[in-house]
C-alpha atoms as a PDB file:
ATOM      1  CA  MET A   1      -0.385   0.001  -0.168  1.00  0.00           C
ATOM      2  CA  SER A   2       1.456   3.402  -0.843  1.00  0.00           C
ATOM      3  CA  ASP A   3       1.691   6.310   1.335  1.00  0.00           C
ATOM      4  CA  GLN A   4      -0.528   8.769  -0.788  1.00  0.00           C
ATOM      5  CA  PRO A   5      -1.338  11.696   0.938  1.00  0.00           C
ATOM      6  CA  PHE A   6      -5.119  10.784   0.655  1.00  0.00           C
ATOM      7  CA  CYS A   7      -7.225   8.005   1.099  1.00  0.00           C
ATOM      8  CA  SER A   8      -5.732   5.045  -1.232  1.00  0.00           C
ATOM      9  CA  TYR A   9      -9.074   3.035  -0.713  1.00  0.00           C
ATOM     10  CA  ALA A  10     -11.767   5.551  -1.530  1.00  0.00           C
ATOM     11  CA  PHE A  11     -14.984   3.662  -1.388  1.00  0.00           C
ATOM     12  CA  GLY A  12     -15.675   1.440  -4.388  1.00  0.00           C
ATOM     13  CA  SER A  13     -12.597   2.157  -6.066  1.00  0.00           C
ATOM     14  CA  ALA A  14      -9.908  -0.543  -4.830  1.00  0.00           C
ATOM     15  CA  GLN A  15     -10.225  -3.512  -2.017  1.00  0.00           C
ATOM     16  CA  MET A  16      -7.719  -3.988   0.580  1.00  0.00           C
ATOM     17  CA  GLN A  17      -5.390  -6.420   0.143  1.00  0.00           C
ATOM     18  CA  THR A  18      -4.821  -9.266   2.827  1.00  0.00           C
ATOM     19  CA  THR A  19      -0.931  -8.767   2.055  1.00  0.00           C
ATOM     20  CA  ASP A  20      -1.698  -4.734   2.740  1.00  0.00           C
ATOM     21  CA  PHE A  21      -3.607  -5.356   5.859  1.00  0.00           C
ATOM     22  CA  THR A  22      -1.516  -7.941   7.170  1.00  0.00           C
ATOM     23  CA  ALA A  23       1.565  -5.837   7.164  1.00  0.00           C
ATOM     24  CA  ILE A  24      -0.336  -2.954   8.371  1.00  0.00           C
ATOM     25  CA  LEU A  25      -0.944  -4.570  11.536  1.00  0.00           C
ATOM     26  CA  GLN A  26       2.929  -5.609  11.651  1.00  0.00           C
ATOM     27  CA  THR A  27       3.969  -1.703  11.944  1.00  0.00           C
ATOM     28  CA  LEU A  28       1.298  -1.217  14.537  1.00  0.00           C
ATOM     29  CA  GLN A  29       2.376  -4.214  16.688  1.00  0.00           C
ATOM     30  CA  SER A  30       6.061  -3.517  16.398  1.00  0.00           C
ATOM     31  CA  GLY A  31       4.756   0.228  17.803  1.00  0.00           C
ATOM     32  CA  LYS A  32       5.323   1.736  14.542  1.00  0.00           C
ATOM     33  CA  ASP A  33       2.738   4.411  13.593  1.00  0.00           C
ATOM     34  CA  LEU A  34       1.012   4.395  10.287  1.00  0.00           C
ATOM     35  CA  SER A  35       0.292   6.943   7.918  1.00  0.00           C
ATOM     36  CA  SER A  36      -2.843   9.403   7.486  1.00  0.00           C
ATOM     37  CA  ALA A  37      -3.054   7.263   4.397  1.00  0.00           C
ATOM     38  CA  GLN A  38      -2.943   4.050   5.580  1.00  0.00           C
ATOM     39  CA  MET A  39      -5.151   4.750   8.032  1.00  0.00           C
ATOM     40  CA  CYS A  40      -7.907   6.018   5.934  1.00  0.00           C
ATOM     41  CA  GLY A  41      -7.176   2.761   3.607  1.00  0.00           C
ATOM     42  CA  VAL A  42      -7.835   0.467   6.940  1.00  0.00           C
ATOM     43  CA  ILE A  43     -10.711   2.262   8.126  1.00  0.00           C
ATOM     44  CA  ALA A  44     -12.866   2.805   4.841  1.00  0.00           C
ATOM     45  CA  TRP A  45     -12.250  -0.925   4.529  1.00  0.00           C
ATOM     46  CA  PHE A  46     -13.433  -1.934   7.996  1.00  0.00           C
ATOM     47  CA  LEU A  47     -16.750   0.830   6.591  1.00  0.00           C
ATOM     48  CA  THR A  48     -17.043  -1.403   3.864  1.00  0.00           C
ATOM     49  CA  GLY A  49     -18.244  -4.519   5.474  1.00  0.00           C
ATOM     50  CA  GLU A  50     -15.782  -6.867   4.266  1.00  0.00           C
ATOM     51  CA  ALA A  51     -13.565  -6.875   6.908  1.00  0.00           C
ATOM     52  CA  GLN A  52     -13.883  -9.907   9.467  1.00  0.00           C
ATOM     53  CA  PRO A  53     -14.817  -9.115  13.055  1.00  0.00           C
ATOM     54  CA  GLU A  54     -11.537 -10.488  13.765  1.00  0.00           C
ATOM     55  CA  SER A  55      -9.319  -8.254  11.894  1.00  0.00           C
ATOM     56  CA  MET A  56     -11.132  -5.520  13.179  1.00  0.00           C
ATOM     57  CA  HIS A  57     -10.303  -6.681  16.647  1.00  0.00           C
ATOM     58  CA  ALA A  58      -6.799  -7.326  15.603  1.00  0.00           C
ATOM     59  CA  PHE A  59      -6.333  -3.658  14.492  1.00  0.00           C
ATOM     60  CA  LEU A  60      -7.762  -1.870  16.979  1.00  0.00           C
ATOM     61  CA  VAL A  61      -6.131  -3.569  19.866  1.00  0.00           C
ATOM     62  CA  SER A  62      -2.928  -3.386  18.049  1.00  0.00           C
ATOM     63  CA  LEU A  63      -3.507   0.315  18.192  1.00  0.00           C
ATOM     64  CA  ALA A  64      -4.928   1.283  21.118  1.00  0.00           C
ATOM     65  CA  GLU A  65      -1.663  -0.755  22.807  1.00  0.00           C
ATOM     66  CA  LYS A  66       0.509   1.684  20.837  1.00  0.00           C
ATOM     67  CA  GLY A  67      -1.389   4.769  21.283  1.00  0.00           C
ATOM     68  CA  GLU A  68      -2.786   6.478  18.132  1.00  0.00           C
ATOM     69  CA  THR A  69      -1.488   9.791  16.760  1.00  0.00           C
ATOM     70  CA  VAL A  70      -2.587  13.013  15.222  1.00  0.00           C
ATOM     71  CA  ASP A  71      -1.698  11.686  11.861  1.00  0.00           C
ATOM     72  CA  GLU A  72      -3.836   8.069  12.339  1.00  0.00           C
ATOM     73  CA  LEU A  73      -6.890  10.166  13.622  1.00  0.00           C
ATOM     74  CA  VAL A  74      -6.639  12.429  10.548  1.00  0.00           C
ATOM     75  CA  GLY A  75      -6.850   9.003   8.245  1.00  0.00           C
ATOM     76  CA  ALA A  76      -9.732   7.706  10.314  1.00  0.00           C
ATOM     77  CA  ALA A  77     -11.561  10.648  10.259  1.00  0.00           C
ATOM     78  CA  ARG A  78     -11.254  11.221   6.113  1.00  0.00           C
ATOM     79  CA  ALA A  79     -12.006   7.796   5.889  1.00  0.00           C
ATOM     80  CA  LEU A  80     -15.452   8.636   7.953  1.00  0.00           C
ATOM     81  CA  ARG A  81     -15.808  11.534   6.091  1.00  0.00           C
ATOM     82  CA  LEU A  82     -15.796   9.789   2.956  1.00  0.00           C
ATOM     83  CA  SER A  83     -18.329   7.671   3.734  1.00  0.00           C
ATOM     84  CA  MET A  84     -20.826  10.507   4.818  1.00  0.00           C
ATOM     85  CA  VAL A  85     -24.127  10.291   2.589  1.00  0.00           C
ATOM     86  CA  PRO A  86     -25.187  13.827   1.753  1.00  0.00           C
ATOM     87  CA  ILE A  87     -28.579  14.494   1.966  1.00  0.00           C
ATOM     88  CA  CYS A  88     -30.080  17.337   0.363  1.00  0.00           C
ATOM     89  CA  VAL A  89     -32.986  19.770   1.858  1.00  0.00           C
ATOM     90  CA  GLU A  90     -34.752  22.901   0.780  1.00  0.00           C
ATOM     91  CA  ARG A  91     -35.750  23.676   3.814  1.00  0.00           C
ATOM     92  CA  THR A  92     -33.071  26.040   6.568  1.00  0.00           C
ATOM     93  CA  PRO A  93     -32.485  25.922   9.132  1.00  0.00           C
ATOM     94  CA  ILE A  94     -31.623  22.247   9.718  1.00  0.00           C
ATOM     95  CA  VAL A  95     -31.828  20.837  13.265  1.00  0.00           C
ATOM     96  CA  ASP A  96     -29.709  17.734  13.878  1.00  0.00           C
ATOM     97  CA  THR A  97     -31.967  15.583  16.217  1.00  0.00           C
ATOM     98  CA  CYS A  98     -30.119  12.467  16.063  1.00  0.00           C
ATOM     99  CA  GLY A  99     -27.711  11.995  19.106  1.00  0.00           C
ATOM    100  CA  THR A 100     -24.967   9.574  20.356  1.00  0.00           C
ATOM    101  CA  GLY A 101     -26.756   7.937  22.831  1.00  0.00           C
ATOM    102  CA  GLY A 102     -23.175   8.811  25.359  1.00  0.00           C
ATOM    103  CA  ASP A 103     -24.919  10.731  27.814  1.00  0.00           C
ATOM    104  CA  GLY A 104     -26.730   8.388  29.455  1.00  0.00           C
ATOM    105  CA  THR A 105     -30.462   9.287  29.154  1.00  0.00           C
ATOM    106  CA  LYS A 106     -31.375   6.409  26.984  1.00  0.00           C
ATOM    107  CA  THR A 107     -33.323   8.666  24.382  1.00  0.00           C
END
C-alpha cells in the first residue's frame, strides 16, 4: 500500500488486500505509527463491511496498545467523511436531532 497523502482506498475504487492489511497490522504490533493514508485505507475497508470482526479486533487492540497519533486520527476521520451520505433539503434552518446516546439518558 502506498503512502499517498489522501485515502488510497476510496470507497468502491479498490479493495484492501490481505497482504496490505497484514503489513499494516505488523507495523502497529511493532509499535510503529501508520500514515494518514494507511489509516484511512484500513478504516475505509472496515466501513465497506468486508473486513472480518477478528481483523478489526486485532487492528483496534494493536492501535490502542500503541497509542493513536494525530496522523492516524486524521486518516480515520478522512475515511469517515468519505463514507458520509450527503442529504439535500430545501428547508432551512436544519437541526440535527440525532445524538450519540452517550449522555446516558437512553433517548
